[in-house]
Every structure is written in C-alpha cells, then in structure tokens.
Amino acid sequence: MSSEELVVPAENEPRRAEGRELSGRSSISILAMLRGSSPLPSPEQLAAYPPEGRELIFRMAQATQAHLHRIELERLELRREKLRARALDRAAQRRQIARGQYLGFGICVLFLAASAAVAMLATSGWGQLTASLLGGIGLSSLVFVFIRGQQPRASRRLRLRAPPRAAPQSN
C-alpha cells in the first residue's frame, strides 16, 4: 500500500487512488485484534459479563490450569521412569560386561593351563606344537573377542546392511 491510499480527503475534494479518480462513496475499515496469553479475559472484558458468567470463566480457567498441571506432571513422571529404565539398562550392561570379562579371563587361564600341561607331558615335538597351538588359539581368540567387542553393534549392522553403490552413468 502506498501512502496515497491512506490519505483521507475532505468532503468536497475528489477521491483519488493511485492517480485515478474514484466516484461514489468509499469507506475505511479498521480491524483491531486483542491477543492475550492468559486463560482469563482482560478486566475490561470480564466486567462486561454478569457475576455468574465471571464465576464460570474463573472455574473454567482453574480447570484448564489444573489439567495443564496434570499433563505436565504426567510428562515429567514418564521422563523420570524413562531415565530410571535407562539407568537400570546401563547397570545391567555393566554387569554383563564384567561377567564376560571374568569368563574370558577364566577361559584364558584354562587354555594356558591346558597348554602348559600338554607341554610338560609331551615327549615329542608334536606335543609341544599342540601345546603352543592350544595356548596361542585360546589367547588370540580372547584378544580378538575383546577387540571386536569394543565396536558398537549399530555400526556393525550398518556396515552389513549398507546398500551397494551404483555405478556412475556415462553419457
């Protein structure tokens, strides 16, 4: 809108809009809008209601506020439960990791003890080879499991399910 459109001419002056003359009557409309963030109307608007209407408005506002508080409390309680469950999951994961480490250490000690026993009881070169293989396989598999176990499982899944790359098209 240009500033010419907003000028209201006097009664006896010809009316113009963007360089052309208008005939007949013209009117100006003004739109006023009130905006509030409260569940209650402004005091001026509230005074226009009868006492029963004001009481009803207050009760509705109280009910709305109580409802909003209940929703917020339920949302906070759900979040608290989710955090508790997450903490329990982490504790269970730590216990599982510790159990795996203890079992892995036990298996390693068992393989080393078996390889030592075979090495001491062996009289030929094949017995010593068997003992070194038994100890080496047990120890290397344990090292592999510990190194492989450090990778996140999601990245392993993503790597396995990655779509094949399309060949570049030449024109």
Protein backbone atom coordinates (compact mmCIF):
# COMPACT_ATOMS: atom_id res chain seq x y z
CA MET A 1 0.00 0.00 0.00
CA SER A 2 1.29 3.43 -0.83
CA SER A 3 0.95 6.47 1.40
CA GLU A 4 -1.54 7.99 -1.09
CA GLU A 5 -4.07 5.28 -0.33
CA LEU A 6 -4.06 6.08 3.38
CA VAL A 7 -4.84 9.79 2.99
CA VAL A 8 -8.50 10.54 3.65
CA PRO A 9 -9.67 13.53 1.54
CA ALA A 10 -12.02 16.18 2.86
CA GLU A 11 -15.71 16.01 1.94
CA ASN A 12 -15.52 18.38 -1.02
CA GLU A 13 -12.24 17.06 -2.52
CA PRO A 14 -12.31 14.44 -5.26
CA ARG A 15 -11.22 10.97 -4.16
CA ARG A 16 -8.11 9.52 -5.83
CA ALA A 17 -6.36 6.17 -5.59
CA GLU A 18 -3.03 5.62 -7.33
CA GLY A 19 -3.53 8.51 -9.76
CA ARG A 20 -7.13 7.78 -10.82
CA GLU A 21 -10.28 9.46 -9.65
CA LEU A 22 -12.93 7.47 -7.76
CA SER A 23 -16.59 8.15 -7.88
CA GLY A 24 -19.13 7.29 -5.23
CA ARG A 25 -18.64 6.57 -1.58
CA SER A 26 -15.59 4.97 -0.09
CA SER A 27 -15.07 3.68 3.40
CA ILE A 28 -12.17 2.82 5.64
CA SER A 29 -12.23 -0.30 7.77
CA ILE A 30 -10.09 -0.69 10.85
CA LEU A 31 -9.57 -4.10 12.33
CA ALA A 32 -8.46 -4.29 15.94
CA MET A 33 -7.33 -7.55 17.44
CA LEU A 34 -6.57 -8.21 21.07
CA ARG A 35 -4.30 -11.03 21.97
CA GLY A 36 -3.68 -12.40 25.43
CA SER A 37 -1.79 -15.33 26.83
CA SER A 38 -3.92 -15.76 29.92
CA PRO A 39 -6.90 -18.11 30.10
CA LEU A 40 -8.81 -15.17 31.58
CA PRO A 41 -10.12 -12.22 29.58
CA SER A 42 -8.90 -8.72 30.33
CA PRO A 43 -10.51 -6.93 33.32
CA GLU A 44 -12.47 -4.66 30.96
CA GLN A 45 -13.90 -7.65 29.10
CA LEU A 46 -14.56 -9.51 32.34
CA ALA A 47 -16.52 -6.57 33.74
CA ALA A 48 -18.96 -6.87 30.81
CA TYR A 49 -20.07 -10.35 31.98
CA PRO A 50 -22.70 -10.94 34.66
CA PRO A 51 -21.43 -12.31 38.02
CA GLU A 52 -22.46 -15.89 37.16
CA GLY A 53 -20.57 -15.66 33.87
CA ARG A 54 -17.46 -14.36 35.62
CA GLU A 55 -17.63 -17.22 38.12
CA LEU A 56 -17.99 -19.71 35.27
CA ILE A 57 -14.99 -18.18 33.48
CA PHE A 58 -12.90 -18.42 36.66
CA ARG A 59 -13.87 -22.07 37.21
CA MET A 60 -13.07 -22.91 33.58
CA ALA A 61 -9.69 -21.19 33.90
CA GLN A 62 -8.96 -23.13 37.10
CA ALA A 63 -9.96 -26.42 35.45
CA THR A 64 -7.77 -25.64 32.44
CA GLN A 65 -4.82 -24.81 34.66
CA ALA A 66 -5.31 -27.98 36.74
CA HIS A 67 -5.47 -30.02 33.53
CA LEU A 68 -2.26 -28.45 32.22
CA HIS A 69 -0.54 -29.17 35.54
CA ARG A 70 -1.66 -32.82 35.42
CA ILE A 71 -0.38 -33.21 31.89
CA GLU A 72 2.96 -31.65 32.82
CA LEU A 73 3.29 -33.88 35.89
CA GLU A 74 2.49 -36.99 33.82
CA ARG A 75 5.05 -35.96 31.21
CA LEU A 76 7.68 -35.43 33.93
CA GLU A 77 6.83 -38.78 35.54
CA LEU A 78 7.18 -40.56 32.19
CA ARG A 79 10.53 -38.88 31.65
CA ARG A 80 11.64 -39.88 35.16
CA GLU A 81 10.62 -43.51 34.52
CA LYS A 82 12.46 -43.48 31.21
CA LEU A 83 15.61 -42.22 32.92
CA ARG A 84 15.30 -44.89 35.62
CA ALA A 85 14.90 -47.61 33.00
CA ARG A 86 17.91 -46.27 31.11
CA ALA A 87 19.98 -46.30 34.32
CA LEU A 88 18.91 -49.90 35.02
CA ASP A 89 19.85 -50.88 31.46
CA ARG A 90 23.27 -49.33 31.88
CA ALA A 91 23.79 -51.15 35.17
CA ALA A 92 22.76 -54.44 33.54
CA GLN A 93 25.15 -53.77 30.66
CA ARG A 94 28.00 -53.10 33.10
CA ARG A 95 27.26 -56.36 34.93
CA GLN A 96 27.15 -58.24 31.65
CA ILE A 97 30.46 -56.74 30.54
CA ALA A 98 32.07 -57.59 33.89
CA ARG A 99 30.71 -61.16 33.71
CA GLY A 100 32.10 -61.51 30.19
CA GLN A 101 35.49 -60.29 31.32
CA TYR A 102 35.58 -62.74 34.23
CA LEU A 103 34.53 -65.65 31.99
CA GLY A 104 37.03 -64.61 29.32
CA PHE A 105 39.82 -64.46 31.90
CA GLY A 106 38.79 -67.91 33.19
CA ILE A 107 38.81 -69.38 29.68
CA CYS A 108 42.23 -67.83 29.00
CA VAL A 109 43.65 -69.29 32.22
CA LEU A 110 42.09 -72.67 31.35
CA PHE A 111 43.65 -72.71 27.86
CA LEU A 112 47.05 -71.62 29.19
CA ALA A 113 46.93 -74.28 31.93
CA ALA A 114 45.94 -76.93 29.39
CA SER A 115 48.72 -75.88 27.03
CA ALA A 116 51.25 -75.93 29.91
CA ALA A 117 50.09 -79.41 30.95
CA VAL A 118 50.34 -80.70 27.38
CA ALA A 119 53.80 -79.14 27.00
CA MET A 120 55.07 -80.78 30.21
CA LEU A 121 53.60 -84.18 29.44
CA ALA A 122 54.60 -84.16 25.78
CA THR A 123 57.61 -86.22 24.86
CA SER A 124 57.69 -85.46 21.17
CA GLY A 125 57.73 -82.32 19.05
CA TRP A 126 54.07 -82.82 18.18
CA GLY A 127 53.10 -82.43 21.81
CA GLN A 128 54.93 -79.13 22.09
CA LEU A 129 53.33 -77.93 18.85
CA THR A 130 49.93 -78.95 20.18
CA ALA A 131 50.58 -77.08 23.43
CA SER A 132 51.68 -73.90 21.64
CA LEU A 133 48.67 -74.06 19.30
CA LEU A 134 46.31 -74.62 22.23
CA GLY A 135 47.74 -71.66 24.14
CA GLY A 136 48.00 -69.43 21.06
CA ILE A 137 44.48 -70.13 19.82
CA GLY A 138 42.97 -69.57 23.24
CA LEU A 139 44.87 -66.34 23.82
CA SER A 140 44.41 -64.94 20.33
CA SER A 141 40.68 -65.71 20.25
CA LEU A 142 40.26 -63.98 23.60
CA VAL A 143 42.16 -60.92 22.36
CA PHE A 144 40.03 -60.91 19.19
CA VAL A 145 36.80 -61.06 21.20
CA PHE A 146 37.86 -58.19 23.43
CA ILE A 147 38.90 -56.03 20.49
CA ARG A 148 35.83 -56.92 18.43
CA GLY A 149 33.54 -56.38 21.41
CA GLN A 150 34.57 -52.71 21.65
CA GLN A 151 32.88 -51.81 18.37
CA PRO A 152 29.30 -50.55 18.70
CA ARG A 153 26.78 -53.05 17.44
CA ALA A 154 24.85 -50.47 15.43
CA SER A 155 27.89 -49.67 13.30
CA ARG A 156 28.36 -53.37 12.58
CA ARG A 157 24.73 -53.62 11.46
CA LEU A 158 25.05 -50.55 9.30
CA ARG A 159 28.17 -51.90 7.68
CA LEU A 160 26.45 -55.21 6.94
CA ARG A 161 23.28 -53.59 5.55
CA ALA A 162 24.87 -50.79 3.55
CA PRO A 163 23.36 -50.69 0.05
CA PRO A 164 25.72 -51.29 -2.84
CA ARG A 165 26.93 -48.21 -4.61
CA ALA A 166 25.52 -47.62 -8.06
CA ALA A 167 27.95 -47.45 -10.91
CA PRO A 168 28.38 -43.93 -12.34
CA GLN A 169 26.47 -43.47 -15.55
CA SER A 170 28.29 -42.09 -18.52
CA ASN A 171 26.53 -40.08 -21.20
